[in-house]
Amino acid sequence: MRKEELIWQDPVPTVEYTLTDSEIEDLKVKLLNSGLTRTELINTAWDSARTFRGSDFRVALMEQESD
């Protein structure tokens, strides 16, 4: 992570824990029950990935399985 503070970027807090499988499943359920359409969820994921910073590890995207 950069030592230099870039004023246009939000600070990335240090994380000292790992989500459990149960917590991950709970988050997935909350997202799927958020009322957003599939298209809105996909657009949000792409927008997040498109603006990803190398120093920002808050969002992790998983590959989708093809049918």
PDB file of N, CA and C in Angstrom:
ATOM      1  N   MET A   1       0.841  -1.175   0.000  1.00  0.00           N
ATOM      2  CA  MET A   1       0.000   0.000   0.000  1.00  0.00           C
ATOM      3  C   MET A   1       0.885   1.237   0.000  1.00  0.00           C
ATOM      4  N   ARG A   2       0.450   2.255  -0.725  1.00  0.00           N
ATOM      5  CA  ARG A   2       1.225   3.494  -0.797  1.00  0.00           C
ATOM      6  C   ARG A   2       1.324   4.171   0.555  1.00  0.00           C
ATOM      7  N   LYS A   3       2.473   4.765   0.786  1.00  0.00           N
ATOM      8  CA  LYS A   3       2.652   5.578   1.986  1.00  0.00           C
ATOM      9  C   LYS A   3       2.108   6.988   1.742  1.00  0.00           C
ATOM     10  N   GLU A   4       2.132   7.418   0.481  1.00  0.00           N
ATOM     11  CA  GLU A   4       1.679   8.746   0.100  1.00  0.00           C
ATOM     12  C   GLU A   4       0.159   8.843   0.225  1.00  0.00           C
ATOM     13  N   GLU A   5      -0.336   9.912   0.831  1.00  0.00           N
ATOM     14  CA  GLU A   5      -1.778  10.117   0.931  1.00  0.00           C
ATOM     15  C   GLU A   5      -2.254  10.897  -0.286  1.00  0.00           C
ATOM     16  N   LEU A   6      -3.194  10.322  -1.010  1.00  0.00           N
ATOM     17  CA  LEU A   6      -3.752  10.981  -2.178  1.00  0.00           C
ATOM     18  C   LEU A   6      -5.102  11.553  -1.773  1.00  0.00           C
ATOM     19  N   ILE A   7      -5.220  12.877  -1.743  1.00  0.00           N
ATOM     20  CA  ILE A   7      -6.389  13.527  -1.147  1.00  0.00           C
ATOM     21  C   ILE A   7      -7.684  13.235  -1.880  1.00  0.00           C
ATOM     22  N   TRP A   8      -7.628  12.799  -3.139  1.00  0.00           N
ATOM     23  CA  TRP A   8      -8.855  12.520  -3.887  1.00  0.00           C
ATOM     24  C   TRP A   8      -9.359  11.104  -3.650  1.00  0.00           C
ATOM     25  N   GLN A   9      -8.609  10.287  -2.930  1.00  0.00           N
ATOM     26  CA  GLN A   9      -9.043   8.929  -2.643  1.00  0.00           C
ATOM     27  C   GLN A   9      -9.488   8.817  -1.190  1.00  0.00           C
ATOM     28  N   ASP A  10     -10.527   8.020  -0.981  1.00  0.00           N
ATOM     29  CA  ASP A  10     -10.944   7.741   0.388  1.00  0.00           C
ATOM     30  C   ASP A  10      -9.878   6.881   1.053  1.00  0.00           C
ATOM     31  N   PRO A  11      -9.634   7.099   2.337  1.00  0.00           N
ATOM     32  CA  PRO A  11      -8.661   6.251   3.017  1.00  0.00           C
ATOM     33  C   PRO A  11      -9.174   4.808   3.100  1.00  0.00           C
ATOM     34  N   VAL A  12      -8.284   3.860   2.969  1.00  0.00           N
ATOM     35  CA  VAL A  12      -8.640   2.447   3.060  1.00  0.00           C
ATOM     36  C   VAL A  12      -8.250   1.969   4.456  1.00  0.00           C
ATOM     37  N   PRO A  13      -9.234   1.610   5.271  1.00  0.00           N
ATOM     38  CA  PRO A  13      -8.908   1.191   6.640  1.00  0.00           C
ATOM     39  C   PRO A  13      -8.196  -0.155   6.657  1.00  0.00           C
ATOM     40  N   THR A  14      -7.371  -0.341   7.659  1.00  0.00           N
ATOM     41  CA  THR A  14      -6.703  -1.615   7.854  1.00  0.00           C
ATOM     42  C   THR A  14      -7.718  -2.623   8.372  1.00  0.00           C
ATOM     43  N   VAL A  15      -7.724  -3.801   7.783  1.00  0.00           N
ATOM     44  CA  VAL A  15      -8.660  -4.849   8.181  1.00  0.00           C
ATOM     45  C   VAL A  15      -7.877  -5.955   8.873  1.00  0.00           C
ATOM     46  N   GLU A  16      -8.317  -6.309  10.064  1.00  0.00           N
ATOM     47  CA  GLU A  16      -7.601  -7.321  10.834  1.00  0.00           C
ATOM     48  C   GLU A  16      -8.493  -8.520  11.119  1.00  0.00           C
ATOM     49  N   TYR A  17      -9.360  -8.869  10.174  1.00  0.00           N
ATOM     50  CA  TYR A  17     -10.218 -10.023  10.334  1.00  0.00           C
ATOM     51  C   TYR A  17     -10.555 -10.577   8.953  1.00  0.00           C
ATOM     52  N   THR A  18     -11.057 -11.794   8.941  1.00  0.00           N
ATOM     53  CA  THR A  18     -11.508 -12.434   7.711  1.00  0.00           C
ATOM     54  C   THR A  18     -12.961 -12.830   7.914  1.00  0.00           C
ATOM     55  N   LEU A  19     -13.785 -12.579   6.899  1.00  0.00           N
ATOM     56  CA  LEU A  19     -15.194 -12.969   7.002  1.00  0.00           C
ATOM     57  C   LEU A  19     -15.311 -14.491   7.036  1.00  0.00           C
ATOM     58  N   THR A  20     -16.218 -14.968   7.853  1.00  0.00           N
ATOM     59  CA  THR A  20     -16.482 -16.406   7.895  1.00  0.00           C
ATOM     60  C   THR A  20     -17.394 -16.779   6.729  1.00  0.00           C
ATOM     61  N   ASP A  21     -17.484 -18.066   6.444  1.00  0.00           N
ATOM     62  CA  ASP A  21     -18.394 -18.518   5.385  1.00  0.00           C
ATOM     63  C   ASP A  21     -19.827 -18.104   5.690  1.00  0.00           C
ATOM     64  N   SER A  22     -20.212 -18.148   6.946  1.00  0.00           N
ATOM     65  CA  SER A  22     -21.560 -17.757   7.361  1.00  0.00           C
ATOM     66  C   SER A  22     -21.807 -16.276   7.102  1.00  0.00           C
ATOM     67  N   GLU A  23     -20.826 -15.440   7.425  1.00  0.00           N
ATOM     68  CA  GLU A  23     -20.963 -14.005   7.182  1.00  0.00           C
ATOM     69  C   GLU A  23     -21.066 -13.705   5.686  1.00  0.00           C
ATOM     70  N   ILE A  24     -20.306 -14.415   4.886  1.00  0.00           N
ATOM     71  CA  ILE A  24     -20.353 -14.241   3.435  1.00  0.00           C
ATOM     72  C   ILE A  24     -21.731 -14.626   2.911  1.00  0.00           C
ATOM     73  N   GLU A  25     -22.260 -15.744   3.375  1.00  0.00           N
ATOM     74  CA  GLU A  25     -23.603 -16.170   2.953  1.00  0.00           C
ATOM     75  C   GLU A  25     -24.656 -15.156   3.367  1.00  0.00           C
ATOM     76  N   ASP A  26     -24.535 -14.610   4.580  1.00  0.00           N
ATOM     77  CA  ASP A  26     -25.479 -13.586   5.044  1.00  0.00           C
ATOM     78  C   ASP A  26     -25.442 -12.354   4.145  1.00  0.00           C
ATOM     79  N   LEU A  27     -24.250 -11.934   3.743  1.00  0.00           N
ATOM     80  CA  LEU A  27     -24.121 -10.789   2.848  1.00  0.00           C
ATOM     81  C   LEU A  27     -24.745 -11.074   1.482  1.00  0.00           C
ATOM     82  N   LYS A  28     -24.539 -12.279   0.977  1.00  0.00           N
ATOM     83  CA  LYS A  28     -25.138 -12.654  -0.307  1.00  0.00           C
ATOM     84  C   LYS A  28     -26.659 -12.593  -0.233  1.00  0.00           C
ATOM     85  N   VAL A  29     -27.223 -13.101   0.851  1.00  0.00           N
ATOM     86  CA  VAL A  29     -28.677 -13.080   1.021  1.00  0.00           C
ATOM     87  C   VAL A  29     -29.177 -11.644   1.082  1.00  0.00           C
ATOM     88  N   LYS A  30     -28.478 -10.795   1.829  1.00  0.00           N
ATOM     89  CA  LYS A  30     -28.881  -9.394   1.937  1.00  0.00           C
ATOM     90  C   LYS A  30     -28.843  -8.705   0.574  1.00  0.00           C
ATOM     91  N   LEU A  31     -27.794  -8.978  -0.209  1.00  0.00           N
ATOM     92  CA  LEU A  31     -27.705  -8.381  -1.545  1.00  0.00           C
ATOM     93  C   LEU A  31     -28.835  -8.862  -2.445  1.00  0.00           C
ATOM     94  N   LEU A  32     -29.081 -10.162  -2.436  1.00  0.00           N
ATOM     95  CA  LEU A  32     -30.119 -10.714  -3.305  1.00  0.00           C
ATOM     96  C   LEU A  32     -31.518 -10.280  -2.880  1.00  0.00           C
ATOM     97  N   ASN A  33     -31.706  -9.936  -1.606  1.00  0.00           N
ATOM     98  CA  ASN A  33     -33.000  -9.475  -1.109  1.00  0.00           C
ATOM     99  C   ASN A  33     -33.078  -7.952  -1.011  1.00  0.00           C
ATOM    100  N   SER A  34     -32.137  -7.258  -1.641  1.00  0.00           N
ATOM    101  CA  SER A  34     -32.070  -5.800  -1.535  1.00  0.00           C
ATOM    102  C   SER A  34     -33.131  -5.088  -2.366  1.00  0.00           C
ATOM    103  N   GLY A  35     -33.782  -5.825  -3.263  1.00  0.00           N
ATOM    104  CA  GLY A  35     -34.769  -5.199  -4.127  1.00  0.00           C
ATOM    105  C   GLY A  35     -34.180  -4.725  -5.447  1.00  0.00           C
ATOM    106  N   LEU A  36     -32.859  -4.854  -5.600  1.00  0.00           N
ATOM    107  CA  LEU A  36     -32.225  -4.481  -6.856  1.00  0.00           C
ATOM    108  C   LEU A  36     -32.449  -5.579  -7.890  1.00  0.00           C
ATOM    109  N   THR A  37     -32.582  -5.172  -9.134  1.00  0.00           N
ATOM    110  CA  THR A  37     -32.734  -6.156 -10.202  1.00  0.00           C
ATOM    111  C   THR A  37     -31.384  -6.803 -10.476  1.00  0.00           C
ATOM    112  N   ARG A  38     -31.430  -7.911 -11.202  1.00  0.00           N
ATOM    113  CA  ARG A  38     -30.186  -8.588 -11.576  1.00  0.00           C
ATOM    114  C   ARG A  38     -29.286  -7.617 -12.358  1.00  0.00           C
ATOM    115  N   THR A  39     -29.878  -6.849 -13.262  1.00  0.00           N
ATOM    116  CA  THR A  39     -29.119  -5.874 -14.055  1.00  0.00           C
ATOM    117  C   THR A  39     -28.472  -4.821 -13.162  1.00  0.00           C
ATOM    118  N   GLU A  40     -29.211  -4.327 -12.171  1.00  0.00           N
ATOM    119  CA  GLU A  40     -28.653  -3.333 -11.256  1.00  0.00           C
ATOM    120  C   GLU A  40     -27.496  -3.911 -10.443  1.00  0.00           C
ATOM    121  N   LEU A  41     -27.631  -5.153  -9.996  1.00  0.00           N
ATOM    122  CA  LEU A  41     -26.547  -5.799  -9.250  1.00  0.00           C
ATOM    123  C   LEU A  41     -25.306  -5.959 -10.121  1.00  0.00           C
ATOM    124  N   ILE A  42     -25.508  -6.384 -11.368  1.00  0.00           N
ATOM    125  CA  ILE A  42     -24.377  -6.572 -12.288  1.00  0.00           C
ATOM    126  C   ILE A  42     -23.717  -5.234 -12.595  1.00  0.00           C
ATOM    127  N   ASN A  43     -24.527  -4.213 -12.872  1.00  0.00           N
ATOM    128  CA  ASN A  43     -23.962  -2.888 -13.151  1.00  0.00           C
ATOM    129  C   ASN A  43     -23.170  -2.355 -11.966  1.00  0.00           C
ATOM    130  N   THR A  44     -23.672  -2.574 -10.772  1.00  0.00           N
ATOM    131  CA  THR A  44     -22.964  -2.130  -9.571  1.00  0.00           C
ATOM    132  C   THR A  44     -21.626  -2.851  -9.430  1.00  0.00           C
ATOM    133  N   ALA A  45     -21.633  -4.164  -9.671  1.00  0.00           N
ATOM    134  CA  ALA A  45     -20.390  -4.938  -9.587  1.00  0.00           C
ATOM    135  C   ALA A  45     -19.373  -4.455 -10.621  1.00  0.00           C
ATOM    136  N   TRP A  46     -19.832  -4.219 -11.845  1.00  0.00           N
ATOM    137  CA  TRP A  46     -18.920  -3.744 -12.892  1.00  0.00           C
ATOM    138  C   TRP A  46     -18.401  -2.348 -12.571  1.00  0.00           C
ATOM    139  N   ASP A  47     -19.258  -1.469 -12.076  1.00  0.00           N
ATOM    140  CA  ASP A  47     -18.804  -0.128 -11.714  1.00  0.00           C
ATOM    141  C   ASP A  47     -17.764  -0.183 -10.606  1.00  0.00           C
ATOM    142  N   SER A  48     -17.971  -1.077  -9.662  1.00  0.00           N
ATOM    143  CA  SER A  48     -17.015  -1.239  -8.578  1.00  0.00           C
ATOM    144  C   SER A  48     -15.684  -1.762  -9.111  1.00  0.00           C
ATOM    145  N   ALA A  49     -15.737  -2.757  -9.981  1.00  0.00           N
ATOM    146  CA  ALA A  49     -14.514  -3.330 -10.547  1.00  0.00           C
ATOM    147  C   ALA A  49     -13.791  -2.305 -11.432  1.00  0.00           C
ATOM    148  N   ARG A  50     -14.560  -1.515 -12.151  1.00  0.00           N
ATOM    149  CA  ARG A  50     -13.987  -0.537 -13.076  1.00  0.00           C
ATOM    150  C   ARG A  50     -13.213   0.542 -12.334  1.00  0.00           C
ATOM    151  N   THR A  51     -13.634   0.853 -11.111  1.00  0.00           N
ATOM    152  CA  THR A  51     -12.981   1.906 -10.331  1.00  0.00           C
ATOM    153  C   THR A  51     -12.058   1.342  -9.259  1.00  0.00           C
ATOM    154  N   PHE A  52     -11.744   0.063  -9.352  1.00  0.00           N
ATOM    155  CA  PHE A  52     -10.901  -0.616  -8.359  1.00  0.00           C
ATOM    156  C   PHE A  52      -9.508   0.001  -8.303  1.00  0.00           C
ATOM    157  N   ARG A  53      -9.016   0.194  -7.097  1.00  0.00           N
ATOM    158  CA  ARG A  53      -7.641   0.651  -6.883  1.00  0.00           C
ATOM    159  C   ARG A  53      -6.837  -0.533  -6.370  1.00  0.00           C
ATOM    160  N   GLY A  54      -5.599  -0.618  -6.766  1.00  0.00           N
ATOM    161  CA  GLY A  54      -4.735  -1.695  -6.297  1.00  0.00           C
ATOM    162  C   GLY A  54      -4.624  -1.738  -4.787  1.00  0.00           C
ATOM    163  N   SER A  55      -4.773  -0.593  -4.134  1.00  0.00           N
ATOM    164  CA  SER A  55      -4.661  -0.532  -2.674  1.00  0.00           C
ATOM    165  C   SER A  55      -5.997  -0.815  -1.987  1.00  0.00           C
ATOM    166  N   ASP A  56      -7.036  -1.027  -2.764  1.00  0.00           N
ATOM    167  CA  ASP A  56      -8.380  -1.186  -2.209  1.00  0.00           C
ATOM    168  C   ASP A  56      -8.824  -2.634  -2.350  1.00  0.00           C
ATOM    169  N   PHE A  57      -8.824  -3.360  -1.262  1.00  0.00           N
ATOM    170  CA  PHE A  57      -9.185  -4.766  -1.293  1.00  0.00           C
ATOM    171  C   PHE A  57     -10.519  -5.020  -0.598  1.00  0.00           C
ATOM    172  N   ARG A  58     -11.409  -4.026  -0.596  1.00  0.00           N
ATOM    173  CA  ARG A  58     -12.701  -4.175   0.057  1.00  0.00           C
ATOM    174  C   ARG A  58     -13.687  -4.960  -0.798  1.00  0.00           C
ATOM    175  N   VAL A  59     -13.472  -5.011  -2.091  1.00  0.00           N
ATOM    176  CA  VAL A  59     -14.409  -5.693  -2.981  1.00  0.00           C
ATOM    177  C   VAL A  59     -13.679  -6.809  -3.694  1.00  0.00           C
ATOM    178  N   ALA A  60     -14.233  -8.013  -3.649  1.00  0.00           N
ATOM    179  CA  ALA A  60     -13.667  -9.145  -4.370  1.00  0.00           C
ATOM    180  C   ALA A  60     -14.764  -9.746  -5.250  1.00  0.00           C
ATOM    181  N   LEU A  61     -14.479  -9.868  -6.524  1.00  0.00           N
ATOM    182  CA  LEU A  61     -15.434 -10.434  -7.439  1.00  0.00           C
ATOM    183  C   LEU A  61     -15.045 -11.875  -7.750  1.00  0.00           C
ATOM    184  N   MET A  62     -16.035 -12.738  -7.835  1.00  0.00           N
ATOM    185  CA  MET A  62     -15.779 -14.144  -8.156  1.00  0.00           C
ATOM    186  C   MET A  62     -16.192 -14.408  -9.584  1.00  0.00           C
ATOM    187  N   GLU A  63     -15.511 -15.354 -10.221  1.00  0.00           N
ATOM    188  CA  GLU A  63     -15.877 -15.742 -11.562  1.00  0.00           C
ATOM    189  C   GLU A  63     -17.240 -16.426 -11.534  1.00  0.00           C
ATOM    190  N   GLN A  64     -18.014 -16.209 -12.596  1.00  0.00           N
ATOM    191  CA  GLN A  64     -19.302 -16.858 -12.694  1.00  0.00           C
ATOM    192  C   GLN A  64     -19.137 -18.136 -13.496  1.00  0.00           C
ATOM    193  N   GLU A  65     -19.893 -19.150 -13.119  1.00  0.00           N
ATOM    194  CA  GLU A  65     -19.886 -20.390 -13.875  1.00  0.00           C
ATOM    195  C   GLU A  65     -20.784 -20.243 -15.077  1.00  0.00           C
ATOM    196  N   SER A  66     -20.334 -20.756 -16.220  1.00  0.00           N
ATOM    197  CA  SER A  66     -21.191 -20.688 -17.409  1.00  0.00           C
ATOM    198  C   SER A  66     -22.140 -21.873 -17.406  1.00  0.00           C
ATOM    199  N   ASP A  67     -23.322 -21.653 -17.953  1.00  0.00           N
ATOM    200  CA  ASP A  67     -24.346 -22.703 -17.969  1.00  0.00           C
ATOM    201  C   ASP A  67     -24.036 -23.752 -19.005  1.00  0.00           C
TER     202      ASP A  67
END
